[in-house]
């Protein structure tokens, strides 16, 4: 849903540009490097999203990786 809204906003923006401005924006966008893969999260990275048992040392678990 958010992706669709962003695509619509981008298309509305491009509709306002003339050809030269659009080419400049596209060439700039091509220089931006996006990560090829999403980073895999470990359990320790998700610490804020899940509840660990009392006394569980998630920092020690993370450092052992």
PDB file of N, CA and C in Angstrom:
ATOM      1  N   UNK A   1       0.819  -1.185   0.000  1.00  0.00           N
ATOM      2  CA  UNK A   1       0.000   0.000   0.000  1.00  0.00           C
ATOM      3  C   UNK A   1       0.869   1.256   0.000  1.00  0.00           C
ATOM      4  N   UNK A   2       1.872   1.283   0.864  1.00  0.00           N
ATOM      5  CA  UNK A   2       2.793   2.413   0.909  1.00  0.00           C
ATOM      6  C   UNK A   2       3.576   2.486  -0.394  1.00  0.00           C
ATOM      7  N   UNK A   3       3.987   1.327  -0.894  1.00  0.00           N
ATOM      8  CA  UNK A   3       4.746   1.279  -2.143  1.00  0.00           C
ATOM      9  C   UNK A   3       3.934   1.881  -3.282  1.00  0.00           C
ATOM     10  N   UNK A   4       2.656   1.564  -3.362  1.00  0.00           N
ATOM     11  CA  UNK A   4       1.788   2.095  -4.412  1.00  0.00           C
ATOM     12  C   UNK A   4       1.669   3.610  -4.291  1.00  0.00           C
ATOM     13  N   UNK A   5       1.517   4.102  -3.069  1.00  0.00           N
ATOM     14  CA  UNK A   5       1.409   5.548  -2.850  1.00  0.00           C
ATOM     15  C   UNK A   5       2.694   6.254  -3.252  1.00  0.00           C
ATOM     16  N   UNK A   6       3.843   5.655  -2.924  1.00  0.00           N
ATOM     17  CA  UNK A   6       5.120   6.260  -3.304  1.00  0.00           C
ATOM     18  C   UNK A   6       5.303   6.274  -4.813  1.00  0.00           C
ATOM     19  N   UNK A   7       4.911   5.185  -5.479  1.00  0.00           N
ATOM     20  CA  UNK A   7       5.012   5.146  -6.937  1.00  0.00           C
ATOM     21  C   UNK A   7       4.143   6.230  -7.565  1.00  0.00           C
ATOM     22  N   UNK A   8       2.937   6.424  -7.030  1.00  0.00           N
ATOM     23  CA  UNK A   8       2.040   7.452  -7.564  1.00  0.00           C
ATOM     24  C   UNK A   8       2.644   8.833  -7.385  1.00  0.00           C
ATOM     25  N   UNK A   9       3.216   9.106  -6.207  1.00  0.00           N
ATOM     26  CA  UNK A   9       3.852  10.402  -5.966  1.00  0.00           C
ATOM     27  C   UNK A   9       5.020  10.620  -6.918  1.00  0.00           C
ATOM     28  N   UNK A  10       5.821   9.577  -7.142  1.00  0.00           N
ATOM     29  CA  UNK A  10       6.953   9.693  -8.063  1.00  0.00           C
ATOM     30  C   UNK A  10       6.474   9.981  -9.480  1.00  0.00           C
ATOM     31  N   UNK A  11       5.428   9.309  -9.917  1.00  0.00           N
ATOM     32  CA  UNK A  11       4.901   9.535 -11.264  1.00  0.00           C
ATOM     33  C   UNK A  11       4.319  10.944 -11.387  1.00  0.00           C
ATOM     34  N   UNK A  12       3.648  11.430 -10.348  1.00  0.00           N
ATOM     35  CA  UNK A  12       3.127  12.802 -10.360  1.00  0.00           C
ATOM     36  C   UNK A  12       4.273  13.802 -10.461  1.00  0.00           C
ATOM     37  N   UNK A  13       5.367  13.528  -9.739  1.00  0.00           N
ATOM     38  CA  UNK A  13       6.534  14.399  -9.773  1.00  0.00           C
ATOM     39  C   UNK A  13       7.142  14.427 -11.174  1.00  0.00           C
ATOM     40  N   UNK A  14       7.321  13.255 -11.784  1.00  0.00           N
ATOM     41  CA  UNK A  14       7.898  13.196 -13.122  1.00  0.00           C
ATOM     42  C   UNK A  14       7.003  13.876 -14.152  1.00  0.00           C
ATOM     43  N   UNK A  15       5.698  13.854 -13.950  1.00  0.00           N
ATOM     44  CA  UNK A  15       4.776  14.506 -14.886  1.00  0.00           C
ATOM     45  C   UNK A  15       4.974  16.020 -14.899  1.00  0.00           C
ATOM     46  N   UNK A  16       5.462  16.579 -13.802  1.00  0.00           N
ATOM     47  CA  UNK A  16       5.687  18.024 -13.727  1.00  0.00           C
ATOM     48  C   UNK A  16       6.993  18.446 -14.391  1.00  0.00           C
ATOM     49  N   UNK A  17       7.918  17.534 -14.599  1.00  0.00           N
ATOM     50  CA  UNK A  17       9.232  17.870 -15.140  1.00  0.00           C
ATOM     51  C   UNK A  17       9.218  17.907 -16.657  1.00  0.00           C
ATOM     52  N   UNK A  18      10.102  18.752 -17.220  1.00  0.00           N
ATOM     53  CA  UNK A  18      10.291  18.667 -18.665  1.00  0.00           C
ATOM     54  C   UNK A  18      11.321  17.572 -18.941  1.00  0.00           C
ATOM     55  N   UNK A  19      11.574  17.267 -20.201  1.00  0.00           N
ATOM     56  CA  UNK A  19      12.447  16.137 -20.555  1.00  0.00           C
ATOM     57  C   UNK A  19      13.851  16.271 -19.984  1.00  0.00           C
ATOM     58  N   UNK A  20      14.433  17.466 -20.042  1.00  0.00           N
ATOM     59  CA  UNK A  20      15.803  17.647 -19.548  1.00  0.00           C
ATOM     60  C   UNK A  20      15.872  17.432 -18.035  1.00  0.00           C
ATOM     61  N   UNK A  21      14.917  17.978 -17.317  1.00  0.00           N
ATOM     62  CA  UNK A  21      14.894  17.794 -15.864  1.00  0.00           C
ATOM     63  C   UNK A  21      14.693  16.325 -15.507  1.00  0.00           C
ATOM     64  N   UNK A  22      13.815  15.650 -16.239  1.00  0.00           N
ATOM     65  CA  UNK A  22      13.567  14.230 -15.976  1.00  0.00           C
ATOM     66  C   UNK A  22      14.828  13.416 -16.215  1.00  0.00           C
ATOM     67  N   UNK A  23      15.566  13.726 -17.285  1.00  0.00           N
ATOM     68  CA  UNK A  23      16.818  13.002 -17.556  1.00  0.00           C
ATOM     69  C   UNK A  23      17.825  13.220 -16.437  1.00  0.00           C
ATOM     70  N   UNK A  24      17.896  14.448 -15.913  1.00  0.00           N
ATOM     71  CA  UNK A  24      18.828  14.736 -14.819  1.00  0.00           C
ATOM     72  C   UNK A  24      18.463  13.923 -13.578  1.00  0.00           C
ATOM     73  N   UNK A  25      17.182  13.859 -13.252  1.00  0.00           N
ATOM     74  CA  UNK A  25      16.737  13.101 -12.075  1.00  0.00           C
ATOM     75  C   UNK A  25      17.032  11.619 -12.259  1.00  0.00           C
ATOM     76  N   UNK A  26      16.738  11.087 -13.439  1.00  0.00           N
ATOM     77  CA  UNK A  26      16.981   9.666 -13.708  1.00  0.00           C
ATOM     78  C   UNK A  26      18.463   9.347 -13.625  1.00  0.00           C
ATOM     79  N   UNK A  27      19.327  10.209 -14.182  1.00  0.00           N
ATOM     80  CA  UNK A  27      20.767   9.935 -14.124  1.00  0.00           C
ATOM     81  C   UNK A  27      21.261   9.983 -12.679  1.00  0.00           C
ATOM     82  N   UNK A  28      20.692  10.884 -11.871  1.00  0.00           N
ATOM     83  CA  UNK A  28      21.066  10.925 -10.459  1.00  0.00           C
ATOM     84  C   UNK A  28      20.628   9.649  -9.748  1.00  0.00           C
ATOM     85  N   UNK A  29      19.409   9.198 -10.030  1.00  0.00           N
ATOM     86  CA  UNK A  29      18.894   7.984  -9.392  1.00  0.00           C
ATOM     87  C   UNK A  29      19.732   6.765  -9.766  1.00  0.00           C
ATOM     88  N   UNK A  30      20.271   6.749 -10.975  1.00  0.00           N
ATOM     89  CA  UNK A  30      21.096   5.613 -11.400  1.00  0.00           C
ATOM     90  C   UNK A  30      22.411   5.555 -10.647  1.00  0.00           C
ATOM     91  N   UNK A  31      22.875   6.692 -10.109  1.00  0.00           N
ATOM     92  CA  UNK A  31      24.136   6.698  -9.366  1.00  0.00           C
ATOM     93  C   UNK A  31      23.967   6.208  -7.933  1.00  0.00           C
ATOM     94  N   UNK A  32      22.739   6.184  -7.439  1.00  0.00           N
ATOM     95  CA  UNK A  32      22.482   5.725  -6.067  1.00  0.00           C
ATOM     96  C   UNK A  32      22.601   4.206  -6.029  1.00  0.00           C
ATOM     97  N   UNK A  33      23.380   3.717  -5.077  1.00  0.00           N
ATOM     98  CA  UNK A  33      23.553   2.273  -4.942  1.00  0.00           C
ATOM     99  C   UNK A  33      22.628   1.752  -3.847  1.00  0.00           C
ATOM    100  N   UNK A  34      21.789   0.822  -4.220  1.00  0.00           N
ATOM    101  CA  UNK A  34      20.903   0.173  -3.259  1.00  0.00           C
ATOM    102  C   UNK A  34      21.484  -1.191  -2.926  1.00  0.00           C
ATOM    103  N   UNK A  35      21.350  -1.635  -1.685  1.00  0.00           N
ATOM    104  CA  UNK A  35      21.864  -2.968  -1.336  1.00  0.00           C
ATOM    105  C   UNK A  35      21.167  -4.042  -2.169  1.00  0.00           C
ATOM    106  N   UNK A  36      21.959  -4.970  -2.680  1.00  0.00           N
ATOM    107  CA  UNK A  36      21.416  -6.027  -3.536  1.00  0.00           C
ATOM    108  C   UNK A  36      20.547  -6.995  -2.736  1.00  0.00           C
ATOM    109  N   UNK A  37      20.919  -7.223  -1.494  1.00  0.00           N
ATOM    110  CA  UNK A  37      20.165  -8.160  -0.658  1.00  0.00           C
ATOM    111  C   UNK A  37      19.780  -7.476   0.638  1.00  0.00           C
ATOM    112  N   UNK A  38      18.685  -7.890   1.187  1.00  0.00           N
ATOM    113  CA  UNK A  38      18.319  -7.391   2.505  1.00  0.00           C
ATOM    114  C   UNK A  38      19.203  -8.086   3.529  1.00  0.00           C
ATOM    115  N   UNK A  39      19.614  -7.337   4.535  1.00  0.00           N
ATOM    116  CA  UNK A  39      20.472  -7.887   5.577  1.00  0.00           C
ATOM    117  C   UNK A  39      19.681  -8.891   6.407  1.00  0.00           C
ATOM    118  N   UNK A  40      20.303  -9.994   6.704  1.00  0.00           N
ATOM    119  CA  UNK A  40      19.668 -10.997   7.562  1.00  0.00           C
ATOM    120  C   UNK A  40      19.850 -10.562   9.013  1.00  0.00           C
ATOM    121  N   UNK A  41      18.775 -10.530   9.754  1.00  0.00           N
ATOM    122  CA  UNK A  41      18.836 -10.118  11.150  1.00  0.00           C
ATOM    123  C   UNK A  41      18.986 -11.331  12.055  1.00  0.00           C
ATOM    124  N   UNK A  42      19.849 -11.188  13.042  1.00  0.00           N
ATOM    125  CA  UNK A  42      19.985 -12.252  14.029  1.00  0.00           C
ATOM    126  C   UNK A  42      18.960 -12.019  15.137  1.00  0.00           C
ATOM    127  N   UNK A  43      18.830 -12.976  16.006  1.00  0.00           N
ATOM    128  CA  UNK A  43      17.912 -12.824  17.137  1.00  0.00           C
ATOM    129  C   UNK A  43      18.330 -11.627  17.987  1.00  0.00           C
ATOM    130  N   UNK A  44      19.629 -11.420  18.127  1.00  0.00           N
ATOM    131  CA  UNK A  44      20.108 -10.297  18.928  1.00  0.00           C
ATOM    132  C   UNK A  44      19.714  -8.964  18.298  1.00  0.00           C
ATOM    133  N   UNK A  45      19.695  -8.886  16.973  1.00  0.00           N
ATOM    134  CA  UNK A  45      19.280  -7.657  16.306  1.00  0.00           C
ATOM    135  C   UNK A  45      17.807  -7.358  16.556  1.00  0.00           C
ATOM    136  N   UNK A  46      17.034  -8.391  16.812  1.00  0.00           N
ATOM    137  CA  UNK A  46      15.605  -8.238  17.038  1.00  0.00           C
ATOM    138  C   UNK A  46      15.258  -8.104  18.517  1.00  0.00           C
ATOM    139  N   UNK A  47      16.268  -7.896  19.360  1.00  0.00           N
ATOM    140  CA  UNK A  47      16.068  -7.841  20.816  1.00  0.00           C
ATOM    141  C   UNK A  47      14.946  -6.894  21.204  1.00  0.00           C
ATOM    142  N   UNK A  48      14.854  -5.763  20.552  1.00  0.00           N
ATOM    143  CA  UNK A  48      13.827  -4.802  20.902  1.00  0.00           C
ATOM    144  C   UNK A  48      12.430  -5.241  20.528  1.00  0.00           C
ATOM    145  N   UNK A  49      12.306  -6.254  19.695  1.00  0.00           N
ATOM    146  CA  UNK A  49      10.995  -6.679  19.225  1.00  0.00           C
ATOM    147  C   UNK A  49      10.471  -7.922  19.923  1.00  0.00           C
ATOM    148  N   UNK A  50      11.330  -8.629  20.646  1.00  0.00           N
ATOM    149  CA  UNK A  50      10.886  -9.842  21.323  1.00  0.00           C
ATOM    150  C   UNK A  50      11.309  -9.791  22.785  1.00  0.00           C
ATOM    151  N   UNK A  51      10.647 -10.568  23.605  1.00  0.00           N
ATOM    152  CA  UNK A  51      10.961 -10.619  25.029  1.00  0.00           C
ATOM    153  C   UNK A  51      11.790 -11.869  25.318  1.00  0.00           C
ATOM    154  N   UNK A  52      12.975 -11.675  25.913  1.00  0.00           N
ATOM    155  CA  UNK A  52      13.806 -12.801  26.313  1.00  0.00           C
ATOM    156  C   UNK A  52      13.483 -13.162  27.759  1.00  0.00           C
ATOM    157  N   UNK A  53      13.760 -14.388  28.120  1.00  0.00           N
ATOM    158  CA  UNK A  53      13.562 -14.835  29.497  1.00  0.00           C
ATOM    159  C   UNK A  53      14.499 -14.063  30.416  1.00  0.00           C
ATOM    160  N   UNK A  54      14.081 -13.875  31.661  1.00  0.00           N
ATOM    161  CA  UNK A  54      14.926 -13.177  32.629  1.00  0.00           C
ATOM    162  C   UNK A  54      16.259 -13.898  32.757  1.00  0.00           C
ATOM    163  N   UNK A  55      17.344 -13.148  32.781  1.00  0.00           N
ATOM    164  CA  UNK A  55      18.664 -13.730  32.930  1.00  0.00           C
ATOM    165  C   UNK A  55      19.299 -14.184  31.626  1.00  0.00           C
ATOM    166  N   UNK A  56      18.595 -14.094  30.507  1.00  0.00           N
ATOM    167  CA  UNK A  56      19.149 -14.516  29.221  1.00  0.00           C
ATOM    168  C   UNK A  56      20.139 -13.459  28.752  1.00  0.00           C
ATOM    169  N   UNK A  57      21.359 -13.880  28.421  1.00  0.00           N
ATOM    170  CA  UNK A  57      22.411 -12.945  28.023  1.00  0.00           C
ATOM    171  C   UNK A  57      22.494 -12.876  26.496  1.00  0.00           C
ATOM    172  N   UNK A  58      21.665 -12.029  25.894  1.00  0.00           N
ATOM    173  CA  UNK A  58      21.658 -11.942  24.436  1.00  0.00           C
ATOM    174  C   UNK A  58      22.931 -11.313  23.887  1.00  0.00           C
ATOM    175  N   UNK A  59      23.600 -10.457  24.676  1.00  0.00           N
ATOM    176  CA  UNK A  59      24.852  -9.850  24.211  1.00  0.00           C
ATOM    177  C   UNK A  59      25.943 -10.906  24.069  1.00  0.00           C
ATOM    178  N   UNK A  60      26.009 -11.843  25.001  1.00  0.00           N
ATOM    179  CA  UNK A  60      26.991 -12.924  24.912  1.00  0.00           C
ATOM    180  C   UNK A  60      26.697 -13.801  23.699  1.00  0.00           C
ATOM    181  N   UNK A  61      25.416 -14.054  23.444  1.00  0.00           N
ATOM    182  CA  UNK A  61      25.046 -14.859  22.282  1.00  0.00           C
ATOM    183  C   UNK A  61      25.481 -14.163  20.991  1.00  0.00           C
ATOM    184  N   UNK A  62      25.274 -12.850  20.937  1.00  0.00           N
ATOM    185  CA  UNK A  62      25.633 -12.103  19.736  1.00  0.00           C
ATOM    186  C   UNK A  62      27.147 -12.096  19.527  1.00  0.00           C
ATOM    187  N   UNK A  63      27.911 -11.936  20.596  1.00  0.00           N
ATOM    188  CA  UNK A  63      29.368 -11.879  20.452  1.00  0.00           C
ATOM    189  C   UNK A  63      29.958 -13.234  20.070  1.00  0.00           C
ATOM    190  N   UNK A  64      29.215 -14.305  20.284  1.00  0.00           N
ATOM    191  CA  UNK A  64      29.724 -15.634  19.932  1.00  0.00           C
ATOM    192  C   UNK A  64      29.560 -15.942  18.444  1.00  0.00           C
ATOM    193  N   UNK A  65      28.865 -15.095  17.719  1.00  0.00           N
ATOM    194  CA  UNK A  65      28.630 -15.354  16.287  1.00  0.00           C
ATOM    195  C   UNK A  65      29.829 -15.015  15.454  1.00  0.00           C
TER     196      UNK A  65
END
